[in-house]
Amino acid sequence: MVGVRFRPQGCDPATGLDCVGLVWAAYAAAGCVLVRPRAYPMRGWGGERVRAALAAAGFATARDAPRPGDVALIVYPAGQFHLALIGHGSIVHAHAGLRRVVETPVEPGWLWAERWRLI
């Protein structure tokens, strides 16, 4: 899905994805259809609501080494939450500034707040 355009609330690769839509669309493409949260705000979606949506979809907090396919929950300084998929030495995420889904290397020392794994 790298290269798919960014679209707020987007959940279909044909029309665009946001970070939530990317995670759910990627799992659907792999054969895992998950319950997707709806009507979530771009900003102000509190951490507990994000965690509840991940748990409702069947994810649990991962405490061992990162694995490709894990979901990274990233918290920006302003308290905004962002989801990304962990790859082999990279992350894939819907980049609002670049207006597309991108894959970027994981930089040394780069940390995400939490990781979630489908159980």
PDB file of N, CA and C in Angstrom:
ATOM      1  N   MET A   1       0.805  -1.195   0.000  1.00  0.00           N
ATOM      2  CA  MET A   1       0.000   0.000   0.000  1.00  0.00           C
ATOM      3  C   MET A   1       0.849   1.259   0.000  1.00  0.00           C
ATOM      4  N   VAL A   2       2.169   1.062  -0.021  1.00  0.00           N
ATOM      5  CA  VAL A   2       3.058   2.216  -0.112  1.00  0.00           C
ATOM      6  C   VAL A   2       2.724   2.974  -1.391  1.00  0.00           C
ATOM      7  N   GLY A   3       2.558   4.272  -1.264  1.00  0.00           N
ATOM      8  CA  GLY A   3       2.217   5.111  -2.399  1.00  0.00           C
ATOM      9  C   GLY A   3       0.743   5.469  -2.483  1.00  0.00           C
ATOM     10  N   VAL A   4      -0.121   4.734  -1.756  1.00  0.00           N
ATOM     11  CA  VAL A   4      -1.553   5.058  -1.741  1.00  0.00           C
ATOM     12  C   VAL A   4      -1.710   6.459  -1.151  1.00  0.00           C
ATOM     13  N   ARG A   5      -2.640   7.230  -1.696  1.00  0.00           N
ATOM     14  CA  ARG A   5      -2.805   8.605  -1.215  1.00  0.00           C
ATOM     15  C   ARG A   5      -3.372   8.639   0.199  1.00  0.00           C
ATOM     16  N   PHE A   6      -3.060   9.701   0.902  1.00  0.00           N
ATOM     17  CA  PHE A   6      -3.583   9.937   2.238  1.00  0.00           C
ATOM     18  C   PHE A   6      -4.955  10.584   2.120  1.00  0.00           C
ATOM     19  N   ARG A   7      -5.877  10.092   2.946  1.00  0.00           N
ATOM     20  CA  ARG A   7      -7.200  10.705   3.026  1.00  0.00           C
ATOM     21  C   ARG A   7      -7.696  10.545   4.455  1.00  0.00           C
ATOM     22  N   PRO A   8      -8.041  11.659   5.126  1.00  0.00           N
ATOM     23  CA  PRO A   8      -8.586  11.553   6.478  1.00  0.00           C
ATOM     24  C   PRO A   8      -9.805  10.633   6.495  1.00  0.00           C
ATOM     25  N   GLN A   9      -9.859   9.750   7.479  1.00  0.00           N
ATOM     26  CA  GLN A   9     -10.915   8.753   7.631  1.00  0.00           C
ATOM     27  C   GLN A   9     -10.911   7.728   6.501  1.00  0.00           C
ATOM     28  N   GLY A  10      -9.867   7.730   5.669  1.00  0.00           N
ATOM     29  CA  GLY A  10      -9.796   6.819   4.535  1.00  0.00           C
ATOM     30  C   GLY A  10      -9.570   5.386   4.975  1.00  0.00           C
ATOM     31  N   CYS A  11     -10.347   4.470   4.390  1.00  0.00           N
ATOM     32  CA  CYS A  11     -10.242   3.065   4.759  1.00  0.00           C
ATOM     33  C   CYS A  11     -10.184   2.144   3.537  1.00  0.00           C
ATOM     34  N   ASP A  12     -10.075   2.731   2.354  1.00  0.00           N
ATOM     35  CA  ASP A  12     -10.038   1.952   1.124  1.00  0.00           C
ATOM     36  C   ASP A  12      -8.819   2.383   0.313  1.00  0.00           C
ATOM     37  N   PRO A  13      -7.908   1.454   0.011  1.00  0.00           N
ATOM     38  CA  PRO A  13      -6.716   1.835  -0.751  1.00  0.00           C
ATOM     39  C   PRO A  13      -7.037   2.473  -2.101  1.00  0.00           C
ATOM     40  N   ALA A  14      -8.201   2.184  -2.661  1.00  0.00           N
ATOM     41  CA  ALA A  14      -8.568   2.759  -3.959  1.00  0.00           C
ATOM     42  C   ALA A  14      -8.862   4.255  -3.858  1.00  0.00           C
ATOM     43  N   THR A  15      -9.299   4.712  -2.685  1.00  0.00           N
ATOM     44  CA  THR A  15      -9.658   6.123  -2.531  1.00  0.00           C
ATOM     45  C   THR A  15      -8.781   6.871  -1.539  1.00  0.00           C
ATOM     46  N   GLY A  16      -7.978   6.169  -0.768  1.00  0.00           N
ATOM     47  CA  GLY A  16      -7.064   6.808   0.181  1.00  0.00           C
ATOM     48  C   GLY A  16      -7.200   6.239   1.577  1.00  0.00           C
ATOM     49  N   LEU A  17      -6.118   6.368   2.340  1.00  0.00           N
ATOM     50  CA  LEU A  17      -6.052   5.806   3.689  1.00  0.00           C
ATOM     51  C   LEU A  17      -5.498   6.819   4.673  1.00  0.00           C
ATOM     52  N   ASP A  18      -5.948   6.733   5.904  1.00  0.00           N
ATOM     53  CA  ASP A  18      -5.263   7.401   6.996  1.00  0.00           C
ATOM     54  C   ASP A  18      -4.555   6.316   7.799  1.00  0.00           C
ATOM     55  N   CYS A  19      -3.982   6.653   8.941  1.00  0.00           N
ATOM     56  CA  CYS A  19      -3.182   5.652   9.670  1.00  0.00           C
ATOM     57  C   CYS A  19      -4.028   4.483  10.168  1.00  0.00           C
ATOM     58  N   VAL A  20      -5.246   4.758  10.600  1.00  0.00           N
ATOM     59  CA  VAL A  20      -6.131   3.682  11.052  1.00  0.00           C
ATOM     60  C   VAL A  20      -6.552   2.826   9.868  1.00  0.00           C
ATOM     61  N   GLY A  21      -6.968   3.473   8.798  1.00  0.00           N
ATOM     62  CA  GLY A  21      -7.383   2.754   7.598  1.00  0.00           C
ATOM     63  C   GLY A  21      -6.278   1.895   7.030  1.00  0.00           C
ATOM     64  N   LEU A  22      -5.030   2.374   7.093  1.00  0.00           N
ATOM     65  CA  LEU A  22      -3.894   1.597   6.597  1.00  0.00           C
ATOM     66  C   LEU A  22      -3.761   0.287   7.358  1.00  0.00           C
ATOM     67  N   VAL A  23      -3.799   0.353   8.673  1.00  0.00           N
ATOM     68  CA  VAL A  23      -3.648  -0.858   9.486  1.00  0.00           C
ATOM     69  C   VAL A  23      -4.764  -1.840   9.167  1.00  0.00           C
ATOM     70  N   TRP A  24      -6.009  -1.366   9.158  1.00  0.00           N
ATOM     71  CA  TRP A  24      -7.134  -2.267   8.920  1.00  0.00           C
ATOM     72  C   TRP A  24      -7.115  -2.797   7.489  1.00  0.00           C
ATOM     73  N   ALA A  25      -6.757  -1.974   6.505  1.00  0.00           N
ATOM     74  CA  ALA A  25      -6.699  -2.432   5.109  1.00  0.00           C
ATOM     75  C   ALA A  25      -5.571  -3.433   4.905  1.00  0.00           C
ATOM     76  N   ALA A  26      -4.442  -3.226   5.554  1.00  0.00           N
ATOM     77  CA  ALA A  26      -3.325  -4.160   5.420  1.00  0.00           C
ATOM     78  C   ALA A  26      -3.689  -5.530   5.985  1.00  0.00           C
ATOM     79  N   TYR A  27      -4.319  -5.544   7.140  1.00  0.00           N
ATOM     80  CA  TYR A  27      -4.737  -6.823   7.712  1.00  0.00           C
ATOM     81  C   TYR A  27      -5.811  -7.484   6.850  1.00  0.00           C
ATOM     82  N   ALA A  28      -6.735  -6.700   6.297  1.00  0.00           N
ATOM     83  CA  ALA A  28      -7.763  -7.262   5.415  1.00  0.00           C
ATOM     84  C   ALA A  28      -7.120  -7.876   4.176  1.00  0.00           C
ATOM     85  N   ALA A  29      -6.096  -7.215   3.629  1.00  0.00           N
ATOM     86  CA  ALA A  29      -5.399  -7.749   2.457  1.00  0.00           C
ATOM     87  C   ALA A  29      -4.699  -9.060   2.780  1.00  0.00           C
ATOM     88  N   ALA A  30      -4.337  -9.240   4.059  1.00  0.00           N
ATOM     89  CA  ALA A  30      -3.690 -10.479   4.498  1.00  0.00           C
ATOM     90  C   ALA A  30      -4.715 -11.530   4.932  1.00  0.00           C
ATOM     91  N   GLY A  31      -6.001 -11.219   4.775  1.00  0.00           N
ATOM     92  CA  GLY A  31      -7.034 -12.192   5.102  1.00  0.00           C
ATOM     93  C   GLY A  31      -7.621 -12.072   6.492  1.00  0.00           C
ATOM     94  N   CYS A  32      -7.257 -11.034   7.230  1.00  0.00           N
ATOM     95  CA  CYS A  32      -7.782 -10.834   8.583  1.00  0.00           C
ATOM     96  C   CYS A  32      -8.700  -9.617   8.586  1.00  0.00           C
ATOM     97  N   VAL A  33      -9.986  -9.850   8.509  1.00  0.00           N
ATOM     98  CA  VAL A  33     -10.940  -8.749   8.529  1.00  0.00           C
ATOM     99  C   VAL A  33     -11.228  -8.398   9.983  1.00  0.00           C
ATOM    100  N   LEU A  34     -10.938  -7.158  10.356  1.00  0.00           N
ATOM    101  CA  LEU A  34     -11.061  -6.707  11.735  1.00  0.00           C
ATOM    102  C   LEU A  34     -12.179  -5.682  11.870  1.00  0.00           C
ATOM    103  N   VAL A  35     -12.716  -5.556  13.072  1.00  0.00           N
ATOM    104  CA  VAL A  35     -13.703  -4.523  13.356  1.00  0.00           C
ATOM    105  C   VAL A  35     -12.960  -3.193  13.381  1.00  0.00           C
ATOM    106  N   ARG A  36     -13.365  -2.270  12.494  1.00  0.00           N
ATOM    107  CA  ARG A  36     -12.668  -0.995  12.357  1.00  0.00           C
ATOM    108  C   ARG A  36     -13.399   0.096  13.120  1.00  0.00           C
ATOM    109  N   PRO A  37     -12.635   0.928  13.838  1.00  0.00           N
ATOM    110  CA  PRO A  37     -13.294   2.049  14.515  1.00  0.00           C
ATOM    111  C   PRO A  37     -13.863   3.021  13.483  1.00  0.00           C
ATOM    112  N   ARG A  38     -14.913   3.703  13.843  1.00  0.00           N
ATOM    113  CA  ARG A  38     -15.555   4.658  12.929  1.00  0.00           C
ATOM    114  C   ARG A  38     -15.681   6.022  13.614  1.00  0.00           C
ATOM    115  N   ALA A  39     -15.723   7.052  12.799  1.00  0.00           N
ATOM    116  CA  ALA A  39     -15.959   8.425  13.269  1.00  0.00           C
ATOM    117  C   ALA A  39     -14.969   8.858  14.352  1.00  0.00           C
ATOM    118  N   TYR A  40     -13.715   8.514  14.194  1.00  0.00           N
ATOM    119  CA  TYR A  40     -12.702   8.965  15.142  1.00  0.00           C
ATOM    120  C   TYR A  40     -12.149  10.299  14.647  1.00  0.00           C
ATOM    121  N   PRO A  41     -11.770  11.181  15.559  1.00  0.00           N
ATOM    122  CA  PRO A  41     -11.254  12.488  15.143  1.00  0.00           C
ATOM    123  C   PRO A  41      -9.789  12.410  14.710  1.00  0.00           C
ATOM    124  N   MET A  42      -9.382  13.347  13.873  1.00  0.00           N
ATOM    125  CA  MET A  42      -7.966  13.425  13.473  1.00  0.00           C
ATOM    126  C   MET A  42      -7.107  13.830  14.667  1.00  0.00           C
ATOM    127  N   ARG A  43      -7.622  14.709  15.485  1.00  0.00           N
ATOM    128  CA  ARG A  43      -6.908  15.151  16.673  1.00  0.00           C
ATOM    129  C   ARG A  43      -7.827  14.959  17.878  1.00  0.00           C
ATOM    130  N   GLY A  44      -7.216  14.744  19.011  1.00  0.00           N
ATOM    131  CA  GLY A  44      -8.007  14.632  20.219  1.00  0.00           C
ATOM    132  C   GLY A  44      -8.589  13.247  20.487  1.00  0.00           C
ATOM    133  N   TRP A  45      -8.148  12.250  19.720  1.00  0.00           N
ATOM    134  CA  TRP A  45      -8.579  10.878  19.967  1.00  0.00           C
ATOM    135  C   TRP A  45      -7.728  10.367  21.105  1.00  0.00           C
ATOM    136  N   GLY A  46      -8.251  10.336  22.299  1.00  0.00           N
ATOM    137  CA  GLY A  46      -7.491   9.992  23.486  1.00  0.00           C
ATOM    138  C   GLY A  46      -6.898   8.596  23.464  1.00  0.00           C
ATOM    139  N   GLY A  47      -5.813   8.445  24.203  1.00  0.00           N
ATOM    140  CA  GLY A  47      -5.098   7.183  24.243  1.00  0.00           C
ATOM    141  C   GLY A  47      -5.943   5.997  24.644  1.00  0.00           C
ATOM    142  N   GLU A  48      -6.849   6.195  25.587  1.00  0.00           N
ATOM    143  CA  GLU A  48      -7.689   5.077  26.020  1.00  0.00           C
ATOM    144  C   GLU A  48      -8.620   4.625  24.903  1.00  0.00           C
ATOM    145  N   ARG A  49      -9.134   5.567  24.117  1.00  0.00           N
ATOM    146  CA  ARG A  49     -10.013   5.199  22.992  1.00  0.00           C
ATOM    147  C   ARG A  49      -9.225   4.474  21.903  1.00  0.00           C
ATOM    148  N   VAL A  50      -7.994   4.916  21.656  1.00  0.00           N
ATOM    149  CA  VAL A  50      -7.153   4.240  20.658  1.00  0.00           C
ATOM    150  C   VAL A  50      -6.881   2.811  21.111  1.00  0.00           C
ATOM    151  N   ARG A  51      -6.484   2.665  22.369  1.00  0.00           N
ATOM    152  CA  ARG A  51      -6.188   1.332  22.910  1.00  0.00           C
ATOM    153  C   ARG A  51      -7.440   0.446  22.904  1.00  0.00           C
ATOM    154  N   ALA A  52      -8.579   1.013  23.237  1.00  0.00           N
ATOM    155  CA  ALA A  52      -9.824   0.237  23.227  1.00  0.00           C
ATOM    156  C   ALA A  52     -10.163  -0.228  21.813  1.00  0.00           C
ATOM    157  N   ALA A  53      -9.928   0.623  20.816  1.00  0.00           N
ATOM    158  CA  ALA A  53     -10.202   0.229  19.425  1.00  0.00           C
ATOM    159  C   ALA A  53      -9.277  -0.899  18.988  1.00  0.00           C
ATOM    160  N   LEU A  54      -8.003  -0.824  19.366  1.00  0.00           N
ATOM    161  CA  LEU A  54      -7.065  -1.902  19.030  1.00  0.00           C
ATOM    162  C   LEU A  54      -7.479  -3.205  19.714  1.00  0.00           C
ATOM    163  N   ALA A  55      -7.834  -3.120  20.994  1.00  0.00           N
ATOM    164  CA  ALA A  55      -8.249  -4.320  21.730  1.00  0.00           C
ATOM    165  C   ALA A  55      -9.533  -4.904  21.140  1.00  0.00           C
ATOM    166  N   ALA A  56     -10.493  -4.052  20.753  1.00  0.00           N
ATOM    167  CA  ALA A  56     -11.748  -4.537  20.179  1.00  0.00           C
ATOM    168  C   ALA A  56     -11.522  -5.253  18.856  1.00  0.00           C
ATOM    169  N   ALA A  57     -10.450  -4.877  18.150  1.00  0.00           N
ATOM    170  CA  ALA A  57     -10.140  -5.516  16.868  1.00  0.00           C
ATOM    171  C   ALA A  57      -9.374  -6.825  17.049  1.00  0.00           C
ATOM    172  N   GLY A  58      -8.953  -7.127  18.278  1.00  0.00           N
ATOM    173  CA  GLY A  58      -8.248  -8.382  18.524  1.00  0.00           C
ATOM    174  C   GLY A  58      -6.764  -8.243  18.743  1.00  0.00           C
ATOM    175  N   PHE A  59      -6.285  -7.007  18.958  1.00  0.00           N
ATOM    176  CA  PHE A  59      -4.865  -6.788  19.224  1.00  0.00           C
ATOM    177  C   PHE A  59      -4.611  -6.795  20.724  1.00  0.00           C
ATOM    178  N   ALA A  60      -3.399  -7.160  21.100  1.00  0.00           N
ATOM    179  CA  ALA A  60      -2.959  -7.096  22.497  1.00  0.00           C
ATOM    180  C   ALA A  60      -1.588  -6.439  22.520  1.00  0.00           C
ATOM    181  N   THR A  61      -1.252  -5.847  23.651  1.00  0.00           N
ATOM    182  CA  THR A  61       0.057  -5.208  23.786  1.00  0.00           C
ATOM    183  C   THR A  61       1.146  -6.250  23.624  1.00  0.00           C
ATOM    184  N   ALA A  62       2.154  -5.941  22.798  1.00  0.00           N
ATOM    185  CA  ALA A  62       3.286  -6.847  22.575  1.00  0.00           C
ATOM    186  C   ALA A  62       4.445  -6.380  23.440  1.00  0.00           C
ATOM    187  N   ARG A  63       5.014  -7.294  24.184  1.00  0.00           N
ATOM    188  CA  ARG A  63       6.098  -6.917  25.096  1.00  0.00           C
ATOM    189  C   ARG A  63       7.447  -7.507  24.698  1.00  0.00           C
ATOM    190  N   ASP A  64       7.456  -8.422  23.724  1.00  0.00           N
ATOM    191  CA  ASP A  64       8.722  -9.011  23.289  1.00  0.00           C
ATOM    192  C   ASP A  64       9.287  -8.192  22.126  1.00  0.00           C
ATOM    193  N   ALA A  65      10.254  -8.733  21.433  1.00  0.00           N
ATOM    194  CA  ALA A  65      10.903  -8.014  20.337  1.00  0.00           C
ATOM    195  C   ALA A  65       9.906  -7.681  19.225  1.00  0.00           C
ATOM    196  N   PRO A  66      10.080  -6.529  18.583  1.00  0.00           N
ATOM    197  CA  PRO A  66       9.178  -6.165  17.483  1.00  0.00           C
ATOM    198  C   PRO A  66       9.205  -7.198  16.366  1.00  0.00           C
ATOM    199  N   ARG A  67       8.028  -7.439  15.781  1.00  0.00           N
ATOM    200  CA  ARG A  67       7.899  -8.351  14.638  1.00  0.00           C
ATOM    201  C   ARG A  67       7.208  -7.616  13.498  1.00  0.00           C
ATOM    202  N   PRO A  68       7.569  -7.954  12.254  1.00  0.00           N
ATOM    203  CA  PRO A  68       6.833  -7.364  11.131  1.00  0.00           C
ATOM    204  C   PRO A  68       5.343  -7.658  11.284  1.00  0.00           C
ATOM    205  N   GLY A  69       4.543  -6.643  11.057  1.00  0.00           N
ATOM    206  CA  GLY A  69       3.104  -6.769  11.215  1.00  0.00           C
ATOM    207  C   GLY A  69       2.587  -6.222  12.528  1.00  0.00           C
ATOM    208  N   ASP A  70       3.479  -6.020  13.502  1.00  0.00           N
ATOM    209  CA  ASP A  70       3.061  -5.369  14.738  1.00  0.00           C
ATOM    210  C   ASP A  70       2.585  -3.957  14.409  1.00  0.00           C
ATOM    211  N   VAL A  71       1.702  -3.451  15.229  1.00  0.00           N
ATOM    212  CA  VAL A  71       1.215  -2.084  15.073  1.00  0.00           C
ATOM    213  C   VAL A  71       1.935  -1.216  16.093  1.00  0.00           C
ATOM    214  N   ALA A  72       2.566  -0.163  15.607  1.00  0.00           N
ATOM    215  CA  ALA A  72       3.223   0.790  16.499  1.00  0.00           C
ATOM    216  C   ALA A  72       2.226   1.894  16.823  1.00  0.00           C
ATOM    217  N   LEU A  73       2.051   2.153  18.097  1.00  0.00           N
ATOM    218  CA  LEU A  73       1.245   3.282  18.547  1.00  0.00           C
ATOM    219  C   LEU A  73       2.231   4.391  18.888  1.00  0.00           C
ATOM    220  N   ILE A  74       2.196   5.440  18.113  1.00  0.00           N
ATOM    221  CA  ILE A  74       3.133   6.555  18.261  1.00  0.00           C
ATOM    222  C   ILE A  74       2.375   7.714  18.893  1.00  0.00           C
ATOM    223  N   VAL A  75       2.991   8.344  19.884  1.00  0.00           N
ATOM    224  CA  VAL A  75       2.392   9.507  20.528  1.00  0.00           C
ATOM    225  C   VAL A  75       3.298  10.697  20.245  1.00  0.00           C
ATOM    226  N   TYR A  76       2.754  11.678  19.540  1.00  0.00           N
ATOM    227  CA  TYR A  76       3.511  12.895  19.242  1.00  0.00           C
ATOM    228  C   TYR A  76       3.468  13.828  20.445  1.00  0.00           C
ATOM    229  N   PRO A  77       4.428  14.748  20.539  1.00  0.00           N
ATOM    230  CA  PRO A  77       4.488  15.640  21.705  1.00  0.00           C
ATOM    231  C   PRO A  77       3.182  16.369  22.006  1.00  0.00           C
ATOM    232  N   ALA A  78       2.411  16.717  21.009  1.00  0.00           N
ATOM    233  CA  ALA A  78       1.158  17.436  21.241  1.00  0.00           C
ATOM    234  C   ALA A  78       0.052  16.505  21.756  1.00  0.00           C
ATOM    235  N   GLY A  79       0.380  15.227  21.974  1.00  0.00           N
ATOM    236  CA  GLY A  79      -0.604  14.276  22.460  1.00  0.00           C
ATOM    237  C   GLY A  79      -1.422  13.637  21.363  1.00  0.00           C
ATOM    238  N   GLN A  80      -1.020  13.848  20.123  1.00  0.00           N
ATOM    239  CA  GLN A  80      -1.722  13.225  19.001  1.00  0.00           C
ATOM    240  C   GLN A  80      -1.209  11.807  18.820  1.00  0.00           C
ATOM    241  N   PHE A  81      -2.127  10.881  18.554  1.00  0.00           N
ATOM    242  CA  PHE A  81      -1.776   9.476  18.379  1.00  0.00           C
ATOM    243  C   PHE A  81      -1.715   9.138  16.897  1.00  0.00           C
ATOM    244  N   HIS A  82      -0.829   8.217  16.557  1.00  0.00           N
ATOM    245  CA  HIS A  82      -0.625   7.805  15.171  1.00  0.00           C
ATOM    246  C   HIS A  82      -0.323   6.310  15.170  1.00  0.00           C
ATOM    247  N   LEU A  83      -0.828   5.591  14.165  1.00  0.00           N
ATOM    248  CA  LEU A  83      -0.558   4.166  14.036  1.00  0.00           C
ATOM    249  C   LEU A  83       0.348   3.930  12.837  1.00  0.00           C
ATOM    250  N   ALA A  84       1.218   2.945  12.955  1.00  0.00           N
ATOM    251  CA  ALA A  84       2.102   2.543  11.861  1.00  0.00           C
ATOM    252  C   ALA A  84       2.277   1.038  11.928  1.00  0.00           C
ATOM    253  N   LEU A  85       2.622   0.442  10.804  1.00  0.00           N
ATOM    254  CA  LEU A  85       2.923  -0.988  10.752  1.00  0.00           C
ATOM    255  C   LEU A  85       4.429  -1.176  10.767  1.00  0.00           C
ATOM    256  N   ILE A  86       4.887  -2.114  11.574  1.00  0.00           N
ATOM    257  CA  ILE A  86       6.311  -2.396  11.657  1.00  0.00           C
ATOM    258  C   ILE A  86       6.685  -3.406  10.584  1.00  0.00           C
ATOM    259  N   GLY A  87       7.741  -3.090   9.846  1.00  0.00           N
ATOM    260  CA  GLY A  87       8.257  -3.984   8.811  1.00  0.00           C
ATOM    261  C   GLY A  87       9.619  -4.516   9.223  1.00  0.00           C
ATOM    262  N   HIS A  88      10.376  -4.999   8.263  1.00  0.00           N
ATOM    263  CA  HIS A  88      11.744  -5.470   8.510  1.00  0.00           C
ATOM    264  C   HIS A  88      12.663  -4.256   8.522  1.00  0.00           C
ATOM    265  N   GLY A  89      12.906  -3.682   9.690  1.00  0.00           N
ATOM    266  CA  GLY A  89      13.765  -2.505   9.797  1.00  0.00           C
ATOM    267  C   GLY A  89      13.115  -1.234   9.286  1.00  0.00           C
ATOM    268  N   SER A  90      11.807  -1.244   9.149  1.00  0.00           N
ATOM    269  CA  SER A  90      11.097  -0.066   8.637  1.00  0.00           C
ATOM    270  C   SER A  90       9.734   0.047   9.297  1.00  0.00           C
ATOM    271  N   ILE A  91       9.104   1.180   9.066  1.00  0.00           N
ATOM    272  CA  ILE A  91       7.701   1.332   9.418  1.00  0.00           C
ATOM    273  C   ILE A  91       6.963   1.819   8.176  1.00  0.00           C
ATOM    274  N   VAL A  92       5.709   1.436   8.069  1.00  0.00           N
ATOM    275  CA  VAL A  92       4.839   1.888   6.992  1.00  0.00           C
ATOM    276  C   VAL A  92       3.722   2.657   7.663  1.00  0.00           C
ATOM    277  N   HIS A  93       3.497   3.882   7.187  1.00  0.00           N
ATOM    278  CA  HIS A  93       2.438   4.691   7.789  1.00  0.00           C
ATOM    279  C   HIS A  93       1.870   5.691   6.793  1.00  0.00           C
ATOM    280  N   ALA A  94       0.676   6.150   7.086  1.00  0.00           N
ATOM    281  CA  ALA A  94      -0.003   7.147   6.263  1.00  0.00           C
ATOM    282  C   ALA A  94       0.489   8.519   6.719  1.00  0.00           C
ATOM    283  N   HIS A  95       1.280   9.156   5.890  1.00  0.00           N
ATOM    284  CA  HIS A  95       1.931  10.421   6.227  1.00  0.00           C
ATOM    285  C   HIS A  95       1.064  11.579   5.737  1.00  0.00           C
ATOM    286  N   ALA A  96       0.443  12.282   6.677  1.00  0.00           N
ATOM    287  CA  ALA A  96      -0.464  13.378   6.308  1.00  0.00           C
ATOM    288  C   ALA A  96       0.288  14.488   5.579  1.00  0.00           C
ATOM    289  N   GLY A  97       1.512  14.795   5.993  1.00  0.00           N
ATOM    290  CA  GLY A  97       2.278  15.866   5.362  1.00  0.00           C
ATOM    291  C   GLY A  97       2.677  15.553   3.929  1.00  0.00           C
ATOM    292  N   LEU A  98       3.043  14.307   3.667  1.00  0.00           N
ATOM    293  CA  LEU A  98       3.427  13.901   2.316  1.00  0.00           C
ATOM    294  C   LEU A  98       2.221  13.482   1.479  1.00  0.00           C
ATOM    295  N   ARG A  99       1.061  13.348   2.162  1.00  0.00           N
ATOM    296  CA  ARG A  99      -0.203  13.013   1.501  1.00  0.00           C
ATOM    297  C   ARG A  99      -0.201  11.635   0.851  1.00  0.00           C
ATOM    298  N   ARG A 100       0.556  10.685   1.455  1.00  0.00           N
ATOM    299  CA  ARG A 100       0.580   9.320   0.919  1.00  0.00           C
ATOM    300  C   ARG A 100       1.099   8.360   1.975  1.00  0.00           C
ATOM    301  N   VAL A 101       0.940   7.076   1.716  1.00  0.00           N
ATOM    302  CA  VAL A 101       1.492   6.031   2.581  1.00  0.00           C
ATOM    303  C   VAL A 101       2.962   5.870   2.206  1.00  0.00           C
ATOM    304  N   VAL A 102       3.822   5.877   3.211  1.00  0.00           N
ATOM    305  CA  VAL A 102       5.258   5.784   2.982  1.00  0.00           C
ATOM    306  C   VAL A 102       5.863   4.680   3.836  1.00  0.00           C
ATOM    307  N   GLU A 103       7.014   4.210   3.400  1.00  0.00           N
ATOM    308  CA  GLU A 103       7.819   3.276   4.195  1.00  0.00           C
ATOM    309  C   GLU A 103       9.128   3.976   4.493  1.00  0.00           C
ATOM    310  N   THR A 104       9.475   4.046   5.771  1.00  0.00           N
ATOM    311  CA  THR A 104      10.701   4.716   6.174  1.00  0.00           C
ATOM    312  C   THR A 104      11.509   3.787   7.072  1.00  0.00           C
ATOM    313  N   PRO A 105      12.843   3.915   7.006  1.00  0.00           N
ATOM    314  CA  PRO A 105      13.664   3.096   7.898  1.00  0.00           C
ATOM    315  C   PRO A 105      13.428   3.480   9.351  1.00  0.00           C
ATOM    316  N   VAL A 106      13.585   2.514  10.230  1.00  0.00           N
ATOM    317  CA  VAL A 106      13.547   2.799  11.658  1.00  0.00           C
ATOM    318  C   VAL A 106      14.925   3.316  12.022  1.00  0.00           C
ATOM    319  N   GLU A 107      14.966   4.529  12.528  1.00  0.00           N
ATOM    320  CA  GLU A 107      16.243   5.131  12.885  1.00  0.00           C
ATOM    321  C   GLU A 107      16.700   4.613  14.245  1.00  0.00           C
ATOM    322  N   PRO A 108      18.015   4.472  14.428  1.00  0.00           N
ATOM    323  CA  PRO A 108      18.509   4.030  15.746  1.00  0.00           C
ATOM    324  C   PRO A 108      18.000   4.972  16.843  1.00  0.00           C
ATOM    325  N   GLY A 109      17.538   4.386  17.902  1.00  0.00           N
ATOM    326  CA  GLY A 109      17.027   5.168  19.017  1.00  0.00           C
ATOM    327  C   GLY A 109      15.585   5.625  18.842  1.00  0.00           C
ATOM    328  N   TRP A 110      14.988   5.334  17.669  1.00  0.00           N
ATOM    329  CA  TRP A 110      13.608   5.741  17.431  1.00  0.00           C
ATOM    330  C   TRP A 110      12.697   4.811  18.221  1.00  0.00           C
ATOM    331  N   LEU A 111      11.804   5.387  18.969  1.00  0.00           N
ATOM    332  CA  LEU A 111      10.933   4.584  19.828  1.00  0.00           C
ATOM    333  C   LEU A 111       9.476   4.922  19.581  1.00  0.00           C
ATOM    334  N   TRP A 112       8.631   3.929  19.678  1.00  0.00           N
ATOM    335  CA  TRP A 112       7.196   4.152  19.653  1.00  0.00           C
ATOM    336  C   TRP A 112       6.699   3.950  21.068  1.00  0.00           C
ATOM    337  N   ALA A 113       5.566   4.504  21.373  1.00  0.00           N
ATOM    338  CA  ALA A 113       5.037   4.429  22.725  1.00  0.00           C
ATOM    339  C   ALA A 113       4.675   2.997  23.111  1.00  0.00           C
ATOM    340  N   GLU A 114       4.032   2.299  22.182  1.00  0.00           N
ATOM    341  CA  GLU A 114       3.582   0.938  22.449  1.00  0.00           C
ATOM    342  C   GLU A 114       3.579   0.161  21.141  1.00  0.00           C
ATOM    343  N   ARG A 115       3.564  -1.152  21.283  1.00  0.00           N
ATOM    344  CA  ARG A 115       3.372  -2.038  20.117  1.00  0.00           C
ATOM    345  C   ARG A 115       2.229  -2.978  20.418  1.00  0.00           C
ATOM    346  N   TRP A 116       1.438  -3.238  19.387  1.00  0.00           N
ATOM    347  CA  TRP A 116       0.303  -4.133  19.513  1.00  0.00           C
ATOM    348  C   TRP A 116       0.410  -5.232  18.488  1.00  0.00           C
ATOM    349  N   ARG A 117      -0.062  -6.408  18.842  1.00  0.00           N
ATOM    350  CA  ARG A 117       0.019  -7.580  17.951  1.00  0.00           C
ATOM    351  C   ARG A 117      -1.335  -8.278  17.930  1.00  0.00           C
ATOM    352  N   LEU A 118      -1.720  -8.738  16.755  1.00  0.00           N
ATOM    353  CA  LEU A 118      -2.965  -9.471  16.615  1.00  0.00           C
ATOM    354  C   LEU A 118      -2.826 -10.810  17.341  1.00  0.00           C
ATOM    355  N   ILE A 119      -3.802 -11.135  18.183  1.00  0.00           N
ATOM    356  CA  ILE A 119      -3.725 -12.377  18.945  1.00  0.00           C
ATOM    357  C   ILE A 119      -4.685 -13.413  18.386  1.00  0.00           C
TER     358      ILE A 119
END
